[in-house]
């Protein structure tokens, strides 16, 4: 599972690549712990690249929401990179109104510029 979550720093921005096609209950707790670790280490600006994910269940989405709340309570923010508008994840975010919760971007470059 660790190889499915990669992390790099770009200046003061932490970028998390989630290399999963299916983000489910199996990986939700690890995701929450992984991002919580970054927050605990003082990372305030975090980008989570979800562009490889083709399916995301509510448990994994809950882990992202938890991470966003934790980051905000520590003075930070989390931005998401989603793939194209025709992806199932994009549709799910529209249906659940998650676009009102998360700042989302089509690529890492535009997410980085948004900070």
PDB file of N, CA and C in Angstrom:
ATOM      1  N   UNK A   1       0.814  -1.205   0.000  1.00  0.00           N
ATOM      2  CA  UNK A   1       0.000   0.000   0.000  1.00  0.00           C
ATOM      3  C   UNK A   1       0.854   1.265   0.000  1.00  0.00           C
ATOM      4  N   UNK A   2       2.025   1.210   0.640  1.00  0.00           N
ATOM      5  CA  UNK A   2       2.855   2.407   0.725  1.00  0.00           C
ATOM      6  C   UNK A   2       3.260   2.926  -0.647  1.00  0.00           C
ATOM      7  N   UNK A   3       3.501   2.035  -1.589  1.00  0.00           N
ATOM      8  CA  UNK A   3       3.896   2.463  -2.920  1.00  0.00           C
ATOM      9  C   UNK A   3       2.748   3.165  -3.652  1.00  0.00           C
ATOM     10  N   UNK A   4       1.527   3.008  -3.149  1.00  0.00           N
ATOM     11  CA  UNK A   4       0.378   3.663  -3.760  1.00  0.00           C
ATOM     12  C   UNK A   4       0.240   5.125  -3.321  1.00  0.00           C
ATOM     13  N   UNK A   5       0.994   5.520  -2.311  1.00  0.00           N
ATOM     14  CA  UNK A   5       0.978   6.893  -1.809  1.00  0.00           C
ATOM     15  C   UNK A   5       2.395   7.428  -1.855  1.00  0.00           C
ATOM     16  N   UNK A   6       2.646   8.372  -2.738  1.00  0.00           N
ATOM     17  CA  UNK A   6       3.966   8.979  -2.857  1.00  0.00           C
ATOM     18  C   UNK A   6       3.853  10.449  -2.486  1.00  0.00           C
ATOM     19  N   UNK A   7       4.923  10.969  -1.930  1.00  0.00           N
ATOM     20  CA  UNK A   7       4.921  12.338  -1.435  1.00  0.00           C
ATOM     21  C   UNK A   7       6.201  13.030  -1.866  1.00  0.00           C
ATOM     22  N   UNK A   8       6.057  14.283  -2.289  1.00  0.00           N
ATOM     23  CA  UNK A   8       7.226  15.101  -2.606  1.00  0.00           C
ATOM     24  C   UNK A   8       6.939  16.534  -2.201  1.00  0.00           C
ATOM     25  N   UNK A   9       8.002  17.294  -2.026  1.00  0.00           N
ATOM     26  CA  UNK A   9       7.860  18.707  -1.659  1.00  0.00           C
ATOM     27  C   UNK A   9       8.227  19.557  -2.870  1.00  0.00           C
ATOM     28  N   UNK A  10       7.444  20.587  -3.090  1.00  0.00           N
ATOM     29  CA  UNK A  10       7.736  21.585  -4.103  1.00  0.00           C
ATOM     30  C   UNK A  10       7.709  22.919  -3.370  1.00  0.00           C
ATOM     31  N   UNK A  11       8.878  23.353  -2.922  1.00  0.00           N
ATOM     32  CA  UNK A  11       8.939  24.539  -2.066  1.00  0.00           C
ATOM     33  C   UNK A  11       8.247  24.225  -0.753  1.00  0.00           C
ATOM     34  N   UNK A  12       7.237  25.022  -0.418  1.00  0.00           N
ATOM     35  CA  UNK A  12       6.517  24.791   0.841  1.00  0.00           C
ATOM     36  C   UNK A  12       5.236  23.975   0.629  1.00  0.00           C
ATOM     37  N   UNK A  13       5.064  23.438  -0.565  1.00  0.00           N
ATOM     38  CA  UNK A  13       3.861  22.661  -0.881  1.00  0.00           C
ATOM     39  C   UNK A  13       4.184  21.170  -0.872  1.00  0.00           C
ATOM     40  N   UNK A  14       3.372  20.414  -0.135  1.00  0.00           N
ATOM     41  CA  UNK A  14       3.489  18.955  -0.120  1.00  0.00           C
ATOM     42  C   UNK A  14       2.531  18.398  -1.172  1.00  0.00           C
ATOM     43  N   UNK A  15       3.048  17.559  -2.053  1.00  0.00           N
ATOM     44  CA  UNK A  15       2.217  16.961  -3.102  1.00  0.00           C
ATOM     45  C   UNK A  15       2.142  15.460  -2.849  1.00  0.00           C
ATOM     46  N   UNK A  16       0.923  14.972  -2.686  1.00  0.00           N
ATOM     47  CA  UNK A  16       0.675  13.548  -2.455  1.00  0.00           C
ATOM     48  C   UNK A  16       0.074  12.961  -3.728  1.00  0.00           C
ATOM     49  N   UNK A  17       0.763  11.992  -4.306  1.00  0.00           N
ATOM     50  CA  UNK A  17       0.238  11.271  -5.462  1.00  0.00           C
ATOM     51  C   UNK A  17      -0.403   9.984  -4.968  1.00  0.00           C
ATOM     52  N   UNK A  18      -1.677   9.815  -5.256  1.00  0.00           N
ATOM     53  CA  UNK A  18      -2.370   8.576  -4.911  1.00  0.00           C
ATOM     54  C   UNK A  18      -2.453   7.733  -6.176  1.00  0.00           C
ATOM     55  N   UNK A  19      -1.682   6.667  -6.203  1.00  0.00           N
ATOM     56  CA  UNK A  19      -1.577   5.824  -7.386  1.00  0.00           C
ATOM     57  C   UNK A  19      -2.486   4.607  -7.280  1.00  0.00           C
ATOM     58  N   UNK A  20      -3.752   4.880  -7.068  1.00  0.00           N
ATOM     59  CA  UNK A  20      -4.759   3.825  -6.980  1.00  0.00           C
ATOM     60  C   UNK A  20      -5.790   4.061  -8.069  1.00  0.00           C
ATOM     61  N   UNK A  21      -6.311   2.989  -8.649  1.00  0.00           N
ATOM     62  CA  UNK A  21      -7.437   3.146  -9.567  1.00  0.00           C
ATOM     63  C   UNK A  21      -8.742   3.115  -8.781  1.00  0.00           C
ATOM     64  N   UNK A  22      -8.726   2.363  -7.685  1.00  0.00           N
ATOM     65  CA  UNK A  22      -9.918   2.220  -6.860  1.00  0.00           C
ATOM     66  C   UNK A  22      -9.565   2.611  -5.422  1.00  0.00           C
ATOM     67  N   UNK A  23     -10.133   3.711  -4.950  1.00  0.00           N
ATOM     68  CA  UNK A  23      -9.860   4.223  -3.602  1.00  0.00           C
ATOM     69  C   UNK A  23     -11.032   3.836  -2.711  1.00  0.00           C
ATOM     70  N   UNK A  24     -10.792   2.839  -1.855  1.00  0.00           N
ATOM     71  CA  UNK A  24     -11.879   2.262  -1.071  1.00  0.00           C
ATOM     72  C   UNK A  24     -11.524   2.183   0.409  1.00  0.00           C
ATOM     73  N   UNK A  25     -12.402   1.543   1.155  1.00  0.00           N
ATOM     74  CA  UNK A  25     -12.220   1.317   2.579  1.00  0.00           C
ATOM     75  C   UNK A  25     -10.832   0.760   2.896  1.00  0.00           C
ATOM     76  N   UNK A  26     -10.329  -0.129   2.051  1.00  0.00           N
ATOM     77  CA  UNK A  26      -9.004  -0.741   2.276  1.00  0.00           C
ATOM     78  C   UNK A  26      -7.899   0.290   2.412  1.00  0.00           C
ATOM     79  N   UNK A  27      -7.973   1.373   1.658  1.00  0.00           N
ATOM     80  CA  UNK A  27      -6.904   2.369   1.661  1.00  0.00           C
ATOM     81  C   UNK A  27      -7.269   3.663   2.390  1.00  0.00           C
ATOM     82  N   UNK A  28      -8.514   3.783   2.837  1.00  0.00           N
ATOM     83  CA  UNK A  28      -8.977   5.033   3.450  1.00  0.00           C
ATOM     84  C   UNK A  28      -8.212   5.381   4.726  1.00  0.00           C
ATOM     85  N   UNK A  29      -8.040   4.425   5.629  1.00  0.00           N
ATOM     86  CA  UNK A  29      -7.344   4.710   6.886  1.00  0.00           C
ATOM     87  C   UNK A  29      -5.887   5.072   6.639  1.00  0.00           C
ATOM     88  N   UNK A  30      -5.246   4.375   5.696  1.00  0.00           N
ATOM     89  CA  UNK A  30      -3.853   4.702   5.383  1.00  0.00           C
ATOM     90  C   UNK A  30      -3.759   6.120   4.828  1.00  0.00           C
ATOM     91  N   UNK A  31      -4.698   6.490   3.964  1.00  0.00           N
ATOM     92  CA  UNK A  31      -4.726   7.838   3.400  1.00  0.00           C
ATOM     93  C   UNK A  31      -4.847   8.877   4.516  1.00  0.00           C
ATOM     94  N   UNK A  32      -5.785   8.649   5.420  1.00  0.00           N
ATOM     95  CA  UNK A  32      -6.007   9.563   6.540  1.00  0.00           C
ATOM     96  C   UNK A  32      -4.726   9.694   7.384  1.00  0.00           C
ATOM     97  N   UNK A  33      -4.106   8.558   7.699  1.00  0.00           N
ATOM     98  CA  UNK A  33      -2.882   8.567   8.506  1.00  0.00           C
ATOM     99  C   UNK A  33      -1.728   9.250   7.773  1.00  0.00           C
ATOM    100  N   UNK A  34      -1.613   8.977   6.472  1.00  0.00           N
ATOM    101  CA  UNK A  34      -0.535   9.535   5.648  1.00  0.00           C
ATOM    102  C   UNK A  34      -0.623  11.062   5.624  1.00  0.00           C
ATOM    103  N   UNK A  35      -1.813  11.590   5.320  1.00  0.00           N
ATOM    104  CA  UNK A  35      -1.978  13.039   5.245  1.00  0.00           C
ATOM    105  C   UNK A  35      -1.898  13.666   6.635  1.00  0.00           C
ATOM    106  N   UNK A  36      -2.420  12.986   7.653  1.00  0.00           N
ATOM    107  CA  UNK A  36      -2.306  13.489   9.031  1.00  0.00           C
ATOM    108  C   UNK A  36      -0.849  13.622   9.440  1.00  0.00           C
ATOM    109  N   UNK A  37      -0.018  12.676   9.002  1.00  0.00           N
ATOM    110  CA  UNK A  37       1.409  12.743   9.285  1.00  0.00           C
ATOM    111  C   UNK A  37       2.046  13.976   8.668  1.00  0.00           C
ATOM    112  N   UNK A  38       1.650  14.297   7.445  1.00  0.00           N
ATOM    113  CA  UNK A  38       2.180  15.501   6.795  1.00  0.00           C
ATOM    114  C   UNK A  38       1.760  16.756   7.556  1.00  0.00           C
ATOM    115  N   UNK A  39       0.502  16.786   7.989  1.00  0.00           N
ATOM    116  CA  UNK A  39      -0.014  17.934   8.751  1.00  0.00           C
ATOM    117  C   UNK A  39       0.730  18.059  10.075  1.00  0.00           C
ATOM    118  N   UNK A  40       0.925  16.924  10.752  1.00  0.00           N
ATOM    119  CA  UNK A  40       1.646  16.924  12.035  1.00  0.00           C
ATOM    120  C   UNK A  40       3.078  17.412  11.884  1.00  0.00           C
ATOM    121  N   UNK A  41       3.658  17.187  10.705  1.00  0.00           N
ATOM    122  CA  UNK A  41       5.030  17.637  10.441  1.00  0.00           C
ATOM    123  C   UNK A  41       5.095  19.081   9.968  1.00  0.00           C
ATOM    124  N   UNK A  42       3.974  19.807  10.061  1.00  0.00           N
ATOM    125  CA  UNK A  42       3.977  21.232   9.783  1.00  0.00           C
ATOM    126  C   UNK A  42       3.620  21.636   8.364  1.00  0.00           C
ATOM    127  N   UNK A  43       3.210  20.691   7.542  1.00  0.00           N
ATOM    128  CA  UNK A  43       2.825  21.037   6.168  1.00  0.00           C
ATOM    129  C   UNK A  43       1.456  21.723   6.182  1.00  0.00           C
ATOM    130  N   UNK A  44       1.421  22.949   5.681  1.00  0.00           N
ATOM    131  CA  UNK A  44       0.175  23.722   5.659  1.00  0.00           C
ATOM    132  C   UNK A  44      -0.469  23.714   4.274  1.00  0.00           C
ATOM    133  N   UNK A  45       0.338  23.583   3.240  1.00  0.00           N
ATOM    134  CA  UNK A  45      -0.163  23.598   1.864  1.00  0.00           C
ATOM    135  C   UNK A  45       0.016  22.196   1.280  1.00  0.00           C
ATOM    136  N   UNK A  46      -1.096  21.516   1.059  1.00  0.00           N
ATOM    137  CA  UNK A  46      -1.055  20.134   0.589  1.00  0.00           C
ATOM    138  C   UNK A  46      -1.911  19.996  -0.658  1.00  0.00           C
ATOM    139  N   UNK A  47      -1.341  19.353  -1.658  1.00  0.00           N
ATOM    140  CA  UNK A  47      -2.081  19.004  -2.866  1.00  0.00           C
ATOM    141  C   UNK A  47      -2.183  17.485  -2.896  1.00  0.00           C
ATOM    142  N   UNK A  48      -3.390  16.974  -3.075  1.00  0.00           N
ATOM    143  CA  UNK A  48      -3.596  15.537  -3.191  1.00  0.00           C
ATOM    144  C   UNK A  48      -3.999  15.254  -4.637  1.00  0.00           C
ATOM    145  N   UNK A  49      -3.127  14.535  -5.334  1.00  0.00           N
ATOM    146  CA  UNK A  49      -3.365  14.204  -6.731  1.00  0.00           C
ATOM    147  C   UNK A  49      -4.204  12.933  -6.817  1.00  0.00           C
ATOM    148  N   UNK A  50      -5.478  13.101  -7.150  1.00  0.00           N
ATOM    149  CA  UNK A  50      -6.422  11.983  -7.272  1.00  0.00           C
ATOM    150  C   UNK A  50      -6.696  11.636  -8.736  1.00  0.00           C
ATOM    151  N   UNK A  51      -5.856  12.108  -9.642  1.00  0.00           N
ATOM    152  CA  UNK A  51      -6.164  11.970 -11.068  1.00  0.00           C
ATOM    153  C   UNK A  51      -6.087  10.534 -11.578  1.00  0.00           C
ATOM    154  N   UNK A  52      -5.455   9.639 -10.830  1.00  0.00           N
ATOM    155  CA  UNK A  52      -5.384   8.226 -11.254  1.00  0.00           C
ATOM    156  C   UNK A  52      -6.603   7.431 -10.793  1.00  0.00           C
ATOM    157  N   UNK A  53      -7.354   7.991  -9.855  1.00  0.00           N
ATOM    158  CA  UNK A  53      -8.476   7.264  -9.255  1.00  0.00           C
ATOM    159  C   UNK A  53      -9.675   7.254 -10.201  1.00  0.00           C
ATOM    160  N   UNK A  54     -10.181   6.059 -10.477  1.00  0.00           N
ATOM    161  CA  UNK A  54     -11.364   5.910 -11.330  1.00  0.00           C
ATOM    162  C   UNK A  54     -12.618   5.608 -10.503  1.00  0.00           C
ATOM    163  N   UNK A  55     -12.412   5.109  -9.278  1.00  0.00           N
ATOM    164  CA  UNK A  55     -13.529   4.836  -8.376  1.00  0.00           C
ATOM    165  C   UNK A  55     -13.126   5.241  -6.965  1.00  0.00           C
ATOM    166  N   UNK A  56     -14.025   5.954  -6.280  1.00  0.00           N
ATOM    167  CA  UNK A  56     -13.774   6.351  -4.899  1.00  0.00           C
ATOM    168  C   UNK A  56     -15.049   6.083  -4.109  1.00  0.00           C
ATOM    169  N   UNK A  57     -14.909   5.320  -3.022  1.00  0.00           N
ATOM    170  CA  UNK A  57     -16.097   5.080  -2.199  1.00  0.00           C
ATOM    171  C   UNK A  57     -16.226   6.156  -1.121  1.00  0.00           C
ATOM    172  N   UNK A  58     -17.339   6.105  -0.401  1.00  0.00           N
ATOM    173  CA  UNK A  58     -17.636   7.147   0.589  1.00  0.00           C
ATOM    174  C   UNK A  58     -16.650   7.132   1.754  1.00  0.00           C
ATOM    175  N   UNK A  59     -16.083   5.974   2.066  1.00  0.00           N
ATOM    176  CA  UNK A  59     -15.116   5.888   3.159  1.00  0.00           C
ATOM    177  C   UNK A  59     -13.844   6.659   2.817  1.00  0.00           C
ATOM    178  N   UNK A  60     -13.373   6.490   1.589  1.00  0.00           N
ATOM    179  CA  UNK A  60     -12.171   7.197   1.157  1.00  0.00           C
ATOM    180  C   UNK A  60     -12.447   8.699   1.060  1.00  0.00           C
ATOM    181  N   UNK A  61     -13.604   9.052   0.539  1.00  0.00           N
ATOM    182  CA  UNK A  61     -13.987  10.462   0.474  1.00  0.00           C
ATOM    183  C   UNK A  61     -14.036  11.045   1.882  1.00  0.00           C
ATOM    184  N   UNK A  62     -14.551  10.276   2.826  1.00  0.00           N
ATOM    185  CA  UNK A  62     -14.571  10.705   4.226  1.00  0.00           C
ATOM    186  C   UNK A  62     -13.174  10.946   4.775  1.00  0.00           C
ATOM    187  N   UNK A  63     -12.220  10.115   4.372  1.00  0.00           N
ATOM    188  CA  UNK A  63     -10.822  10.301   4.803  1.00  0.00           C
ATOM    189  C   UNK A  63     -10.273  11.621   4.267  1.00  0.00           C
ATOM    190  N   UNK A  64     -10.629  11.966   3.037  1.00  0.00           N
ATOM    191  CA  UNK A  64     -10.179  13.244   2.466  1.00  0.00           C
ATOM    192  C   UNK A  64     -10.828  14.423   3.188  1.00  0.00           C
ATOM    193  N   UNK A  65     -12.113  14.304   3.498  1.00  0.00           N
ATOM    194  CA  UNK A  65     -12.819  15.372   4.225  1.00  0.00           C
ATOM    195  C   UNK A  65     -12.212  15.538   5.619  1.00  0.00           C
ATOM    196  N   UNK A  66     -11.959  14.425   6.307  1.00  0.00           N
ATOM    197  CA  UNK A  66     -11.312  14.471   7.624  1.00  0.00           C
ATOM    198  C   UNK A  66      -9.971  15.198   7.526  1.00  0.00           C
ATOM    199  N   UNK A  67      -9.186  14.840   6.497  1.00  0.00           N
ATOM    200  CA  UNK A  67      -7.861  15.452   6.316  1.00  0.00           C
ATOM    201  C   UNK A  67      -7.979  16.948   6.069  1.00  0.00           C
ATOM    202  N   UNK A  68      -8.962  17.348   5.266  1.00  0.00           N
ATOM    203  CA  UNK A  68      -9.177  18.767   4.990  1.00  0.00           C
ATOM    204  C   UNK A  68      -9.515  19.512   6.278  1.00  0.00           C
ATOM    205  N   UNK A  69     -10.404  18.957   7.096  1.00  0.00           N
ATOM    206  CA  UNK A  69     -10.783  19.599   8.361  1.00  0.00           C
ATOM    207  C   UNK A  69      -9.585  19.697   9.303  1.00  0.00           C
ATOM    208  N   UNK A  70      -8.799  18.637   9.362  1.00  0.00           N
ATOM    209  CA  UNK A  70      -7.615  18.643  10.226  1.00  0.00           C
ATOM    210  C   UNK A  70      -6.617  19.705   9.763  1.00  0.00           C
ATOM    211  N   UNK A  71      -6.417  19.771   8.453  1.00  0.00           N
ATOM    212  CA  UNK A  71      -5.501  20.765   7.900  1.00  0.00           C
ATOM    213  C   UNK A  71      -5.994  22.177   8.204  1.00  0.00           C
ATOM    214  N   UNK A  72      -7.289  22.428   7.993  1.00  0.00           N
ATOM    215  CA  UNK A  72      -7.856  23.756   8.240  1.00  0.00           C
ATOM    216  C   UNK A  72      -7.726  24.151   9.708  1.00  0.00           C
ATOM    217  N   UNK A  73      -7.907  23.193  10.604  1.00  0.00           N
ATOM    218  CA  UNK A  73      -7.800  23.510  12.040  1.00  0.00           C
ATOM    219  C   UNK A  73      -6.356  23.803  12.445  1.00  0.00           C
ATOM    220  N   UNK A  74      -5.405  23.442  11.576  1.00  0.00           N
ATOM    221  CA  UNK A  74      -3.994  23.756  11.811  1.00  0.00           C
ATOM    222  C   UNK A  74      -3.518  24.917  10.939  1.00  0.00           C
ATOM    223  N   UNK A  75      -4.466  25.658  10.356  1.00  0.00           N
ATOM    224  CA  UNK A  75      -4.115  26.834   9.558  1.00  0.00           C
ATOM    225  C   UNK A  75      -3.683  26.517   8.140  1.00  0.00           C
ATOM    226  N   UNK A  76      -4.000  25.316   7.662  1.00  0.00           N
ATOM    227  CA  UNK A  76      -3.582  24.930   6.318  1.00  0.00           C
ATOM    228  C   UNK A  76      -4.753  24.698   5.382  1.00  0.00           C
ATOM    229  N   UNK A  77      -4.450  24.167   4.210  1.00  0.00           N
ATOM    230  CA  UNK A  77      -5.478  23.856   3.230  1.00  0.00           C
ATOM    231  C   UNK A  77      -5.024  22.686   2.375  1.00  0.00           C
ATOM    232  N   UNK A  78      -5.995  21.960   1.857  1.00  0.00           N
ATOM    233  CA  UNK A  78      -5.741  20.845   0.954  1.00  0.00           C
ATOM    234  C   UNK A  78      -6.466  21.134  -0.349  1.00  0.00           C
ATOM    235  N   UNK A  79      -5.748  21.009  -1.451  1.00  0.00           N
ATOM    236  CA  UNK A  79      -6.324  21.164  -2.786  1.00  0.00           C
ATOM    237  C   UNK A  79      -6.270  19.791  -3.456  1.00  0.00           C
ATOM    238  N   UNK A  80      -7.276  19.495  -4.264  1.00  0.00           N
ATOM    239  CA  UNK A  80      -7.328  18.209  -4.961  1.00  0.00           C
ATOM    240  C   UNK A  80      -7.118  18.395  -6.455  1.00  0.00           C
ATOM    241  N   UNK A  81      -6.411  17.447  -7.050  1.00  0.00           N
ATOM    242  CA  UNK A  81      -6.302  17.373  -8.503  1.00  0.00           C
ATOM    243  C   UNK A  81      -7.151  16.185  -8.930  1.00  0.00           C
ATOM    244  N   UNK A  82      -8.144  16.472  -9.775  1.00  0.00           N
ATOM    245  CA  UNK A  82      -9.010  15.427 -10.320  1.00  0.00           C
ATOM    246  C   UNK A  82      -8.737  15.313 -11.815  1.00  0.00           C
ATOM    247  N   UNK A  83      -9.039  14.162 -12.376  1.00  0.00           N
ATOM    248  CA  UNK A  83      -8.837  14.008 -13.814  1.00  0.00           C
ATOM    249  C   UNK A  83      -9.940  14.743 -14.573  1.00  0.00           C
ATOM    250  N   UNK A  84     -10.137  14.421 -15.787  1.00  0.00           N
ATOM    251  CA  UNK A  84     -11.029  15.163 -16.676  1.00  0.00           C
ATOM    252  C   UNK A  84     -12.484  15.126 -16.219  1.00  0.00           C
ATOM    253  N   UNK A  85     -13.267  16.039 -16.755  1.00  0.00           N
ATOM    254  CA  UNK A  85     -14.669  16.170 -16.368  1.00  0.00           C
ATOM    255  C   UNK A  85     -15.503  14.951 -16.735  1.00  0.00           C
ATOM    256  N   UNK A  86     -14.995  14.079 -17.584  1.00  0.00           N
ATOM    257  CA  UNK A  86     -15.760  12.880 -17.930  1.00  0.00           C
ATOM    258  C   UNK A  86     -15.391  11.670 -17.066  1.00  0.00           C
ATOM    259  N   UNK A  87     -14.575  11.895 -16.031  1.00  0.00           N
ATOM    260  CA  UNK A  87     -14.211  10.777 -15.150  1.00  0.00           C
ATOM    261  C   UNK A  87     -15.323  10.524 -14.130  1.00  0.00           C
ATOM    262  N   UNK A  88     -15.436   9.289 -13.650  1.00  0.00           N
ATOM    263  CA  UNK A  88     -16.445   8.969 -12.631  1.00  0.00           C
ATOM    264  C   UNK A  88     -16.250   9.761 -11.337  1.00  0.00           C
ATOM    265  N   UNK A  89     -15.020  10.075 -11.000  1.00  0.00           N
ATOM    266  CA  UNK A  89     -14.744  10.833  -9.773  1.00  0.00           C
ATOM    267  C   UNK A  89     -15.326  12.242  -9.898  1.00  0.00           C
ATOM    268  N   UNK A  90     -15.142  12.846 -11.058  1.00  0.00           N
ATOM    269  CA  UNK A  90     -15.672  14.193 -11.288  1.00  0.00           C
ATOM    270  C   UNK A  90     -17.192  14.182 -11.108  1.00  0.00           C
ATOM    271  N   UNK A  91     -17.837  13.181 -11.688  1.00  0.00           N
ATOM    272  CA  UNK A  91     -19.288  13.042 -11.581  1.00  0.00           C
ATOM    273  C   UNK A  91     -19.711  12.877 -10.127  1.00  0.00           C
ATOM    274  N   UNK A  92     -18.976  12.049  -9.376  1.00  0.00           N
ATOM    275  CA  UNK A  92     -19.300  11.848  -7.969  1.00  0.00           C
ATOM    276  C   UNK A  92     -19.152  13.153  -7.184  1.00  0.00           C
ATOM    277  N   UNK A  93     -18.108  13.927  -7.466  1.00  0.00           N
ATOM    278  CA  UNK A  93     -17.911  15.197  -6.776  1.00  0.00           C
ATOM    279  C   UNK A  93     -19.041  16.174  -7.089  1.00  0.00           C
ATOM    280  N   UNK A  94     -19.529  16.164  -8.332  1.00  0.00           N
ATOM    281  CA  UNK A  94     -20.667  17.016  -8.680  1.00  0.00           C
ATOM    282  C   UNK A  94     -21.925  16.571  -7.940  1.00  0.00           C
ATOM    283  N   UNK A  95     -22.182  15.269  -7.953  1.00  0.00           N
ATOM    284  CA  UNK A  95     -23.386  14.711  -7.336  1.00  0.00           C
ATOM    285  C   UNK A  95     -23.426  14.978  -5.829  1.00  0.00           C
ATOM    286  N   UNK A  96     -22.283  14.823  -5.164  1.00  0.00           N
ATOM    287  CA  UNK A  96     -22.218  14.989  -3.707  1.00  0.00           C
ATOM    288  C   UNK A  96     -21.909  16.424  -3.279  1.00  0.00           C
ATOM    289  N   UNK A  97     -21.784  17.320  -4.253  1.00  0.00           N
ATOM    290  CA  UNK A  97     -21.473  18.722  -3.994  1.00  0.00           C
ATOM    291  C   UNK A  97     -20.125  18.932  -3.292  1.00  0.00           C
ATOM    292  N   UNK A  98     -19.207  18.023  -3.516  1.00  0.00           N
ATOM    293  CA  UNK A  98     -17.881  18.137  -2.907  1.00  0.00           C
ATOM    294  C   UNK A  98     -17.072  19.284  -3.499  1.00  0.00           C
ATOM    295  N   UNK A  99     -17.489  19.788  -4.665  1.00  0.00           N
ATOM    296  CA  UNK A  99     -16.803  20.951  -5.232  1.00  0.00           C
ATOM    297  C   UNK A  99     -16.988  22.185  -4.347  1.00  0.00           C
ATOM    298  N   UNK A 100     -18.014  22.170  -3.490  1.00  0.00           N
ATOM    299  CA  UNK A 100     -18.210  23.273  -2.543  1.00  0.00           C
ATOM    300  C   UNK A 100     -17.308  23.108  -1.322  1.00  0.00           C
ATOM    301  N   UNK A 101     -16.827  21.893  -1.093  1.00  0.00           N
ATOM    302  CA  UNK A 101     -15.997  21.588   0.063  1.00  0.00           C
ATOM    303  C   UNK A 101     -14.502  21.722  -0.282  1.00  0.00           C
ATOM    304  N   UNK A 102     -14.117  21.147  -1.415  1.00  0.00           N
ATOM    305  CA  UNK A 102     -12.708  21.123  -1.833  1.00  0.00           C
ATOM    306  C   UNK A 102     -12.461  22.095  -2.975  1.00  0.00           C
ATOM    307  N   UNK A 103     -11.280  22.695  -2.961  1.00  0.00           N
ATOM    308  CA  UNK A 103     -10.809  23.422  -4.135  1.00  0.00           C
ATOM    309  C   UNK A 103     -10.178  22.366  -5.037  1.00  0.00           C
ATOM    310  N   UNK A 104     -10.691  22.251  -6.260  1.00  0.00           N
ATOM    311  CA  UNK A 104     -10.222  21.207  -7.170  1.00  0.00           C
ATOM    312  C   UNK A 104      -9.630  21.821  -8.434  1.00  0.00           C
ATOM    313  N   UNK A 105      -8.686  21.089  -9.007  1.00  0.00           N
ATOM    314  CA  UNK A 105      -7.952  21.577 -10.166  1.00  0.00           C
ATOM    315  C   UNK A 105      -7.727  20.442 -11.153  1.00  0.00           C
ATOM    316  N   UNK A 106      -7.577  20.776 -12.448  1.00  0.00           N
ATOM    317  CA  UNK A 106      -7.401  19.745 -13.472  1.00  0.00           C
ATOM    318  C   UNK A 106      -5.969  19.202 -13.556  1.00  0.00           C
ATOM    319  N   UNK A 107      -5.001  19.924 -12.961  1.00  0.00           N
ATOM    320  CA  UNK A 107      -3.614  19.469 -13.021  1.00  0.00           C
ATOM    321  C   UNK A 107      -2.827  20.056 -11.837  1.00  0.00           C
ATOM    322  N   UNK A 108      -1.670  19.468 -11.587  1.00  0.00           N
ATOM    323  CA  UNK A 108      -0.859  19.884 -10.436  1.00  0.00           C
ATOM    324  C   UNK A 108      -0.382  21.333 -10.586  1.00  0.00           C
ATOM    325  N   UNK A 109      -0.018  21.717 -11.801  1.00  0.00           N
ATOM    326  CA  UNK A 109       0.476  23.083 -12.034  1.00  0.00           C
ATOM    327  C   UNK A 109      -0.515  24.144 -11.599  1.00  0.00           C
ATOM    328  N   UNK A 110      -1.777  23.975 -11.975  1.00  0.00           N
ATOM    329  CA  UNK A 110      -2.772  24.991 -11.581  1.00  0.00           C
ATOM    330  C   UNK A 110      -3.083  24.919 -10.090  1.00  0.00           C
ATOM    331  N   UNK A 111      -2.977  23.745  -9.487  1.00  0.00           N
ATOM    332  CA  UNK A 111      -3.168  23.632  -8.039  1.00  0.00           C
ATOM    333  C   UNK A 111      -2.038  24.347  -7.296  1.00  0.00           C
ATOM    334  N   UNK A 112      -0.808  24.194  -7.771  1.00  0.00           N
ATOM    335  CA  UNK A 112       0.347  24.858  -7.156  1.00  0.00           C
ATOM    336  C   UNK A 112       0.177  26.374  -7.248  1.00  0.00           C
ATOM    337  N   UNK A 113      -0.214  26.872  -8.422  1.00  0.00           N
ATOM    338  CA  UNK A 113      -0.385  28.323  -8.608  1.00  0.00           C
ATOM    339  C   UNK A 113      -1.471  28.897  -7.716  1.00  0.00           C
ATOM    340  N   UNK A 114      -2.444  28.049  -7.301  1.00  0.00           N
ATOM    341  CA  UNK A 114      -3.567  28.545  -6.505  1.00  0.00           C
ATOM    342  C   UNK A 114      -3.171  28.899  -5.071  1.00  0.00           C
ATOM    343  N   UNK A 115      -2.015  28.420  -4.621  1.00  0.00           N
ATOM    344  CA  UNK A 115      -1.594  28.719  -3.245  1.00  0.00           C
ATOM    345  C   UNK A 115      -0.941  30.080  -3.164  1.00  0.00           C
TER     346      UNK A 115
END
